[in-house]
Amino acid sequence: RDPVWPQAVMDVSVIEADDPYDEPRGDTPI
């Protein structure tokens, strides 16, 4: 099954909307 992470891990793993390293972005094909 998919992993169930503790809330503390979820809190530090949030990706901000303007993160310059977030991929794929824009029209990048997946």
Full PDB file with SEQRES, HELIX, SHEET, SSBOND, CRYST1, ORIGX, SCALE, CONECT and MASTER records, all heavy atoms in Angstrom:
SEQRES   1 A   30  ARG ASP PRO VAL TRP PRO GLN ALA VAL MET ASP VAL SER          
SEQRES   2 A   30  VAL ILE GLU ALA ASP ASP PRO TYR ASP GLU PRO ARG GLY          
SEQRES   3 A   30  ASP THR PRO ILE                                              
HELIX    1 AA1 GLN A    7  VAL A   12  1                                   6    
CRYST1    1.000    1.000    1.000  90.00  90.00  90.00 P 1           1          
ORIGX1      1.000000  0.000000  0.000000        0.00000                         
ORIGX2      0.000000  1.000000  0.000000        0.00000                         
ORIGX3      0.000000  0.000000  1.000000        0.00000                         
SCALE1      1.000000  0.000000  0.000000        0.00000                         
SCALE2      0.000000  1.000000  0.000000        0.00000                         
SCALE3      0.000000  0.000000  1.000000        0.00000                         
ATOM      1  N   ARG A   1       0.853  -1.177   0.000  1.00  0.00           N  
ATOM      2  CA  ARG A   1       0.000   0.000   0.000  1.00  0.00           C  
ATOM      3  C   ARG A   1       0.891   1.230   0.000  1.00  0.00           C  
ATOM      4  O   ARG A   1       2.095   1.144   0.245  1.00  0.00           O  
ATOM      5  CB  ARG A   1      -0.922   0.022   1.212  1.00  0.00           C  
ATOM      6  CG  ARG A   1      -0.192   0.088   2.537  1.00  0.00           C  
ATOM      7  CD  ARG A   1      -1.176   0.088   3.695  1.00  0.00           C  
ATOM      8  NE  ARG A   1      -0.502  -0.007   4.960  1.00  0.00           N  
ATOM      9  CZ  ARG A   1      -0.124   1.016   5.694  1.00  0.00           C  
ATOM     10  NH1 ARG A   1      -0.350   2.233   5.292  1.00  0.00           N  
ATOM     11  NH2 ARG A   1       0.476   0.843   6.843  1.00  0.00           N  
ATOM     12  N   ASP A   2       0.301   2.376  -0.274  1.00  0.00           N  
ATOM     13  CA  ASP A   2       1.054   3.625  -0.230  1.00  0.00           C  
ATOM     14  C   ASP A   2       1.483   3.903   1.206  1.00  0.00           C  
ATOM     15  O   ASP A   2       0.755   3.585   2.158  1.00  0.00           O  
ATOM     16  CB  ASP A   2       0.198   4.780  -0.736  1.00  0.00           C  
ATOM     17  CG  ASP A   2      -0.051   4.693  -2.225  1.00  0.00           C  
ATOM     18  OD1 ASP A   2       0.776   4.079  -2.922  1.00  0.00           O  
ATOM     19  OD2 ASP A   2      -1.065   5.233  -2.683  1.00  0.00           O  
ATOM     20  N   PRO A   3       2.656   4.500   1.392  1.00  0.00           N  
ATOM     21  CA  PRO A   3       3.109   4.780   2.757  1.00  0.00           C  
ATOM     22  C   PRO A   3       2.225   5.815   3.445  1.00  0.00           C  
ATOM     23  O   PRO A   3       1.688   6.722   2.809  1.00  0.00           O  
ATOM     24  CB  PRO A   3       4.522   5.319   2.567  1.00  0.00           C  
ATOM     25  CG  PRO A   3       4.584   5.775   1.158  1.00  0.00           C  
ATOM     26  CD  PRO A   3       3.614   4.946   0.380  1.00  0.00           C  
ATOM     27  N   VAL A   4       2.078   5.655   4.751  1.00  0.00           N  
ATOM     28  CA  VAL A   4       1.348   6.616   5.572  1.00  0.00           C  
ATOM     29  C   VAL A   4       2.389   7.318   6.439  1.00  0.00           C  
ATOM     30  O   VAL A   4       2.977   6.702   7.324  1.00  0.00           O  
ATOM     31  CB  VAL A   4       0.285   5.910   6.451  1.00  0.00           C  
ATOM     32  CG1 VAL A   4      -0.417   6.915   7.327  1.00  0.00           C  
ATOM     33  CG2 VAL A   4      -0.695   5.151   5.580  1.00  0.00           C  
ATOM     34  N   TRP A   5       2.624   8.599   6.149  1.00  0.00           N  
ATOM     35  CA  TRP A   5       3.662   9.340   6.837  1.00  0.00           C  
ATOM     36  C   TRP A   5       3.089  10.057   8.059  1.00  0.00           C  
ATOM     37  O   TRP A   5       1.957  10.509   8.043  1.00  0.00           O  
ATOM     38  CB  TRP A   5       4.272  10.380   5.898  1.00  0.00           C  
ATOM     39  CG  TRP A   5       4.910   9.768   4.702  1.00  0.00           C  
ATOM     40  CD1 TRP A   5       4.395   9.710   3.448  1.00  0.00           C  
ATOM     41  CD2 TRP A   5       6.161   9.098   4.642  1.00  0.00           C  
ATOM     42  NE1 TRP A   5       5.256   9.057   2.614  1.00  0.00           N  
ATOM     43  CE2 TRP A   5       6.350   8.664   3.323  1.00  0.00           C  
ATOM     44  CE3 TRP A   5       7.147   8.817   5.577  1.00  0.00           C  
ATOM     45  CZ2 TRP A   5       7.481   7.981   2.915  1.00  0.00           C  
ATOM     46  CZ3 TRP A   5       8.281   8.136   5.168  1.00  0.00           C  
ATOM     47  CH2 TRP A   5       8.437   7.724   3.853  1.00  0.00           C  
ATOM     48  N   PRO A   6       3.890  10.195   9.123  1.00  0.00           N  
ATOM     49  CA  PRO A   6       3.460  10.977  10.279  1.00  0.00           C  
ATOM     50  C   PRO A   6       3.266  12.446   9.881  1.00  0.00           C  
ATOM     51  O   PRO A   6       3.865  12.927   8.914  1.00  0.00           O  
ATOM     52  CB  PRO A   6       4.616  10.837  11.270  1.00  0.00           C  
ATOM     53  CG  PRO A   6       5.437   9.703  10.791  1.00  0.00           C  
ATOM     54  CD  PRO A   6       5.185   9.564   9.333  1.00  0.00           C  
ATOM     55  N   GLN A   7       2.449  13.148  10.635  1.00  0.00           N  
ATOM     56  CA  GLN A   7       2.147  14.547  10.315  1.00  0.00           C  
ATOM     57  C   GLN A   7       3.396  15.419  10.338  1.00  0.00           C  
ATOM     58  O   GLN A   7       3.524  16.352   9.559  1.00  0.00           O  
ATOM     59  CB  GLN A   7       1.089  15.098  11.272  1.00  0.00           C  
ATOM     60  CG  GLN A   7       0.557  16.445  10.858  1.00  0.00           C  
ATOM     61  CD  GLN A   7      -0.068  16.428   9.460  1.00  0.00           C  
ATOM     62  OE1 GLN A   7      -0.764  15.491   9.102  1.00  0.00           O  
ATOM     63  NE2 GLN A   7       0.188  17.472   8.689  1.00  0.00           N  
ATOM     64  N   ALA A   8       4.356  15.102  11.210  1.00  0.00           N  
ATOM     65  CA  ALA A   8       5.596  15.889  11.269  1.00  0.00           C  
ATOM     66  C   ALA A   8       6.356  15.805   9.951  1.00  0.00           C  
ATOM     67  O   ALA A   8       6.927  16.801   9.479  1.00  0.00           O  
ATOM     68  CB  ALA A   8       6.475  15.398  12.413  1.00  0.00           C  
ATOM     69  N   VAL A   9       6.366  14.650   9.324  1.00  0.00           N  
ATOM     70  CA  VAL A   9       7.032  14.490   8.033  1.00  0.00           C  
ATOM     71  C   VAL A   9       6.259  15.240   6.956  1.00  0.00           C  
ATOM     72  O   VAL A   9       6.844  15.892   6.088  1.00  0.00           O  
ATOM     73  CB  VAL A   9       7.178  12.991   7.681  1.00  0.00           C  
ATOM     74  CG1 VAL A   9       7.705  12.804   6.271  1.00  0.00           C  
ATOM     75  CG2 VAL A   9       8.068  12.288   8.684  1.00  0.00           C  
ATOM     76  N   MET A  10       4.935  15.164   6.997  1.00  0.00           N  
ATOM     77  CA  MET A  10       4.113  15.867   6.022  1.00  0.00           C  
ATOM     78  C   MET A  10       4.311  17.385   6.118  1.00  0.00           C  
ATOM     79  O   MET A  10       4.324  18.080   5.107  1.00  0.00           O  
ATOM     80  CB  MET A  10       2.634  15.518   6.214  1.00  0.00           C  
ATOM     81  CG  MET A  10       2.317  14.054   5.980  1.00  0.00           C  
ATOM     82  SD  MET A  10       2.675  13.503   4.327  1.00  0.00           S  
ATOM     83  CE  MET A  10       1.358  14.307   3.443  1.00  0.00           C  
ATOM     84  N   ASP A  11       4.500  17.893   7.349  1.00  0.00           N  
ATOM     85  CA  ASP A  11       4.672  19.327   7.549  1.00  0.00           C  
ATOM     86  C   ASP A  11       5.976  19.840   6.937  1.00  0.00           C  
ATOM     87  O   ASP A  11       6.014  20.934   6.378  1.00  0.00           O  
ATOM     88  CB  ASP A  11       4.634  19.674   9.035  1.00  0.00           C  
ATOM     89  CG  ASP A  11       3.248  19.460   9.626  1.00  0.00           C  
ATOM     90  OD1 ASP A  11       2.269  19.397   8.850  1.00  0.00           O  
ATOM     91  OD2 ASP A  11       3.155  19.341  10.866  1.00  0.00           O  
ATOM     92  N   VAL A  12       7.059  19.055   7.031  1.00  0.00           N  
ATOM     93  CA  VAL A  12       8.338  19.514   6.475  1.00  0.00           C  
ATOM     94  C   VAL A  12       8.465  19.184   4.993  1.00  0.00           C  
ATOM     95  O   VAL A  12       9.411  19.624   4.347  1.00  0.00           O  
ATOM     96  CB  VAL A  12       9.541  18.921   7.245  1.00  0.00           C  
ATOM     97  CG1 VAL A  12       9.543  19.394   8.682  1.00  0.00           C  
ATOM     98  CG2 VAL A  12       9.581  17.425   7.140  1.00  0.00           C  
ATOM     99  N   SER A  13       7.535  18.430   4.439  1.00  0.00           N  
ATOM    100  CA  SER A  13       7.608  18.019   3.034  1.00  0.00           C  
ATOM    101  C   SER A  13       6.719  18.844   2.114  1.00  0.00           C  
ATOM    102  O   SER A  13       6.552  18.480   0.957  1.00  0.00           O  
ATOM    103  CB  SER A  13       7.221  16.545   2.917  1.00  0.00           C  
ATOM    104  OG  SER A  13       8.063  15.747   3.695  1.00  0.00           O  
ATOM    105  N   VAL A  14       6.169  19.933   2.600  1.00  0.00           N  
ATOM    106  CA  VAL A  14       5.279  20.754   1.785  1.00  0.00           C  
ATOM    107  C   VAL A  14       6.096  21.475   0.715  1.00  0.00           C  
ATOM    108  O   VAL A  14       7.137  22.063   1.009  1.00  0.00           O  
ATOM    109  CB  VAL A  14       4.525  21.775   2.668  1.00  0.00           C  
ATOM    110  CG1 VAL A  14       3.719  22.727   1.820  1.00  0.00           C  
ATOM    111  CG2 VAL A  14       3.644  21.050   3.661  1.00  0.00           C  
ATOM    112  N   ILE A  15       5.634  21.412  -0.524  1.00  0.00           N  
ATOM    113  CA  ILE A  15       6.292  22.103  -1.634  1.00  0.00           C  
ATOM    114  C   ILE A  15       5.557  23.408  -1.871  1.00  0.00           C  
ATOM    115  O   ILE A  15       4.351  23.411  -2.113  1.00  0.00           O  
ATOM    116  CB  ILE A  15       6.286  21.231  -2.902  1.00  0.00           C  
ATOM    117  CG1 ILE A  15       7.042  19.933  -2.647  1.00  0.00           C  
ATOM    118  CG2 ILE A  15       6.883  22.000  -4.073  1.00  0.00           C  
ATOM    119  CD1 ILE A  15       6.971  18.957  -3.781  1.00  0.00           C  
ATOM    120  N   GLU A  16       6.290  24.499  -1.806  1.00  0.00           N  
ATOM    121  CA  GLU A  16       5.683  25.806  -1.997  1.00  0.00           C  
ATOM    122  C   GLU A  16       5.323  26.007  -3.462  1.00  0.00           C  
ATOM    123  O   GLU A  16       5.951  25.438  -4.354  1.00  0.00           O  
ATOM    124  CB  GLU A  16       6.633  26.889  -1.518  1.00  0.00           C  
ATOM    125  CG  GLU A  16       6.898  26.792  -0.027  1.00  0.00           C  
ATOM    126  CD  GLU A  16       7.844  27.856   0.457  1.00  0.00           C  
ATOM    127  OE1 GLU A  16       8.026  28.864  -0.241  1.00  0.00           O  
ATOM    128  OE2 GLU A  16       8.400  27.669   1.545  1.00  0.00           O  
ATOM    129  N   ALA A  17       4.315  26.840  -3.707  1.00  0.00           N  
ATOM    130  CA  ALA A  17       3.822  27.045  -5.073  1.00  0.00           C  
ATOM    131  C   ALA A  17       4.861  27.680  -5.982  1.00  0.00           C  
ATOM    132  O   ALA A  17       4.907  27.388  -7.171  1.00  0.00           O  
ATOM    133  CB  ALA A  17       2.566  27.905  -5.037  1.00  0.00           C  
ATOM    134  N   ASP A  18       5.740  28.523  -5.443  1.00  0.00           N  
ATOM    135  CA  ASP A  18       6.734  29.201  -6.281  1.00  0.00           C  
ATOM    136  C   ASP A  18       8.123  28.576  -6.176  1.00  0.00           C  
ATOM    137  O   ASP A  18       9.125  29.228  -6.438  1.00  0.00           O  
ATOM    138  CB  ASP A  18       6.791  30.685  -5.930  1.00  0.00           C  
ATOM    139  CG  ASP A  18       7.203  30.906  -4.478  1.00  0.00           C  
ATOM    140  OD1 ASP A  18       7.142  29.946  -3.693  1.00  0.00           O  
ATOM    141  OD2 ASP A  18       7.588  32.043  -4.151  1.00  0.00           O  
ATOM    142  N   ASP A  19       8.194  27.318  -5.818  1.00  0.00           N  
ATOM    143  CA  ASP A  19       9.474  26.617  -5.701  1.00  0.00           C  
ATOM    144  C   ASP A  19      10.142  26.522  -7.073  1.00  0.00           C  
ATOM    145  O   ASP A  19       9.585  25.927  -7.994  1.00  0.00           O  
ATOM    146  CB  ASP A  19       9.247  25.219  -5.125  1.00  0.00           C  
ATOM    147  CG  ASP A  19      10.542  24.479  -4.848  1.00  0.00           C  
ATOM    148  OD1 ASP A  19      11.624  25.033  -5.114  1.00  0.00           O  
ATOM    149  OD2 ASP A  19      10.475  23.333  -4.367  1.00  0.00           O  
ATOM    150  N   PRO A  20      11.351  27.102  -7.248  1.00  0.00           N  
ATOM    151  CA  PRO A  20      11.985  27.083  -8.570  1.00  0.00           C  
ATOM    152  C   PRO A  20      12.477  25.699  -8.988  1.00  0.00           C  
ATOM    153  O   PRO A  20      12.771  25.475 -10.150  1.00  0.00           O  
ATOM    154  CB  PRO A  20      13.160  28.053  -8.414  1.00  0.00           C  
ATOM    155  CG  PRO A  20      13.458  28.054  -6.966  1.00  0.00           C  
ATOM    156  CD  PRO A  20      12.143  27.828  -6.274  1.00  0.00           C  
ATOM    157  N   TYR A  21      12.577  24.760  -8.045  1.00  0.00           N  
ATOM    158  CA  TYR A  21      13.068  23.432  -8.370  1.00  0.00           C  
ATOM    159  C   TYR A  21      11.955  22.407  -8.516  1.00  0.00           C  
ATOM    160  O   TYR A  21      12.215  21.226  -8.700  1.00  0.00           O  
ATOM    161  CB  TYR A  21      14.067  22.966  -7.309  1.00  0.00           C  
ATOM    162  CG  TYR A  21      15.240  23.900  -7.208  1.00  0.00           C  
ATOM    163  CD1 TYR A  21      15.363  24.790  -6.160  1.00  0.00           C  
ATOM    164  CD2 TYR A  21      16.206  23.918  -8.196  1.00  0.00           C  
ATOM    165  CE1 TYR A  21      16.435  25.661  -6.081  1.00  0.00           C  
ATOM    166  CE2 TYR A  21      17.281  24.777  -8.133  1.00  0.00           C  
ATOM    167  CZ  TYR A  21      17.390  25.644  -7.070  1.00  0.00           C  
ATOM    168  OH  TYR A  21      18.441  26.507  -7.001  1.00  0.00           O  
ATOM    169  N   ASP A  22      10.713  22.847  -8.427  1.00  0.00           N  
ATOM    170  CA  ASP A  22       9.578  21.934  -8.565  1.00  0.00           C  
ATOM    171  C   ASP A  22       9.469  21.484 -10.018  1.00  0.00           C  
ATOM    172  O   ASP A  22       9.376  22.299 -10.926  1.00  0.00           O  
ATOM    173  CB  ASP A  22       8.289  22.619  -8.123  1.00  0.00           C  
ATOM    174  CG  ASP A  22       7.116  21.661  -8.068  1.00  0.00           C  
ATOM    175  OD1 ASP A  22       7.348  20.447  -7.966  1.00  0.00           O  
ATOM    176  OD2 ASP A  22       5.977  22.143  -8.135  1.00  0.00           O  
ATOM    177  N   GLU A  23       9.542  20.199 -10.254  1.00  0.00           N  
ATOM    178  CA  GLU A  23       9.453  19.640 -11.606  1.00  0.00           C  
ATOM    179  C   GLU A  23       8.347  18.617 -11.647  1.00  0.00           C  
ATOM    180  O   GLU A  23       8.120  17.931 -10.672  1.00  0.00           O  
ATOM    181  CB  GLU A  23      10.773  18.955 -11.988  1.00  0.00           C  
ATOM    182  CG  GLU A  23      11.934  19.902 -12.159  1.00  0.00           C  
ATOM    183  CD  GLU A  23      11.845  20.739 -13.420  1.00  0.00           C  
ATOM    184  OE1 GLU A  23      11.102  20.359 -14.336  1.00  0.00           O  
ATOM    185  OE2 GLU A  23      12.506  21.768 -13.471  1.00  0.00           O  
ATOM    186  N   PRO A  24       7.670  18.405 -12.710  1.00  0.00           N  
ATOM    187  CA  PRO A  24       7.694  19.202 -13.931  1.00  0.00           C  
ATOM    188  C   PRO A  24       6.867  20.458 -13.748  1.00  0.00           C  
ATOM    189  O   PRO A  24       5.928  20.500 -12.974  1.00  0.00           O  
ATOM    190  CB  PRO A  24       7.062  18.286 -14.966  1.00  0.00           C  
ATOM    191  CG  PRO A  24       6.136  17.430 -14.196  1.00  0.00           C  
ATOM    192  CD  PRO A  24       6.772  17.248 -12.842  1.00  0.00           C  
ATOM    193  N   ARG A  25       7.222  21.488 -14.469  1.00  0.00           N  
ATOM    194  CA  ARG A  25       6.502  22.745 -14.367  1.00  0.00           C  
ATOM    195  C   ARG A  25       6.144  23.233 -15.763  1.00  0.00           C  
ATOM    196  O   ARG A  25       6.782  22.858 -16.742  1.00  0.00           O  
ATOM    197  CB  ARG A  25       7.321  23.780 -13.622  1.00  0.00           C  
ATOM    198  CG  ARG A  25       8.588  24.158 -14.318  1.00  0.00           C  
ATOM    199  CD  ARG A  25       9.273  25.285 -13.541  1.00  0.00           C  
ATOM    200  NE  ARG A  25      10.593  25.488 -14.061  1.00  0.00           N  
ATOM    201  CZ  ARG A  25      11.687  24.994 -13.537  1.00  0.00           C  
ATOM    202  NH1 ARG A  25      11.614  24.279 -12.450  1.00  0.00           N  
ATOM    203  NH2 ARG A  25      12.856  25.206 -14.081  1.00  0.00           N  
ATOM    204  N   GLY A  26       5.148  24.088 -15.814  1.00  0.00           N  
ATOM    205  CA  GLY A  26       4.753  24.669 -17.084  1.00  0.00           C  
ATOM    206  C   GLY A  26       4.263  23.614 -18.069  1.00  0.00           C  
ATOM    207  O   GLY A  26       3.460  22.753 -17.720  1.00  0.00           O  
ATOM    208  N   ASP A  27       4.810  23.670 -19.260  1.00  0.00           N  
ATOM    209  CA  ASP A  27       4.387  22.728 -20.291  1.00  0.00           C  
ATOM    210  C   ASP A  27       5.377  21.577 -20.456  1.00  0.00           C  
ATOM    211  O   ASP A  27       5.468  20.975 -21.518  1.00  0.00           O  
ATOM    212  CB  ASP A  27       4.187  23.457 -21.617  1.00  0.00           C  
ATOM    213  CG  ASP A  27       5.442  24.185 -22.059  1.00  0.00           C  
ATOM    214  OD1 ASP A  27       6.390  24.275 -21.272  1.00  0.00           O  
ATOM    215  OD2 ASP A  27       5.459  24.659 -23.214  1.00  0.00           O  
ATOM    216  N   THR A  28       6.146  21.281 -19.415  1.00  0.00           N  
ATOM    217  CA  THR A  28       7.074  20.161 -19.473  1.00  0.00           C  
ATOM    218  C   THR A  28       6.285  18.867 -19.586  1.00  0.00           C  
ATOM    219  O   THR A  28       5.408  18.601 -18.761  1.00  0.00           O  
ATOM    220  CB  THR A  28       7.960  20.109 -18.212  1.00  0.00           C  
ATOM    221  OG1 THR A  28       8.630  21.351 -18.067  1.00  0.00           O  
ATOM    222  CG2 THR A  28       8.966  18.984 -18.292  1.00  0.00           C  
ATOM    223  N   PRO A  29       6.574  18.037 -20.597  1.00  0.00           N  
ATOM    224  CA  PRO A  29       5.824  16.787 -20.750  1.00  0.00           C  
ATOM    225  C   PRO A  29       6.143  15.813 -19.622  1.00  0.00           C  
ATOM    226  O   PRO A  29       7.259  15.789 -19.104  1.00  0.00           O  
ATOM    227  CB  PRO A  29       6.298  16.253 -22.096  1.00  0.00           C  
ATOM    228  CG  PRO A  29       7.594  16.924 -22.354  1.00  0.00           C  
ATOM    229  CD  PRO A  29       7.564  18.229 -21.649  1.00  0.00           C  
ATOM    230  N   ILE A  30       5.151  15.024 -19.261  1.00  0.00           N  
ATOM    231  CA  ILE A  30       5.317  14.032 -18.203  1.00  0.00           C  
ATOM    232  C   ILE A  30       5.299  12.659 -18.845  1.00  0.00           C  
ATOM    233  O   ILE A  30       4.356  12.304 -19.543  1.00  0.00           O  
ATOM    234  CB  ILE A  30       4.198  14.153 -17.157  1.00  0.00           C  
ATOM    235  CG1 ILE A  30       4.235  15.537 -16.523  1.00  0.00           C  
ATOM    236  CG2 ILE A  30       4.338  13.070 -16.095  1.00  0.00           C  
ATOM    237  CD1 ILE A  30       3.073  15.806 -15.607  1.00  0.00           C  
TER     238      ILE A  30                                                      
MASTER        0    0    0    1    0    0    0    6  237    1    0    3          
END                                                                             
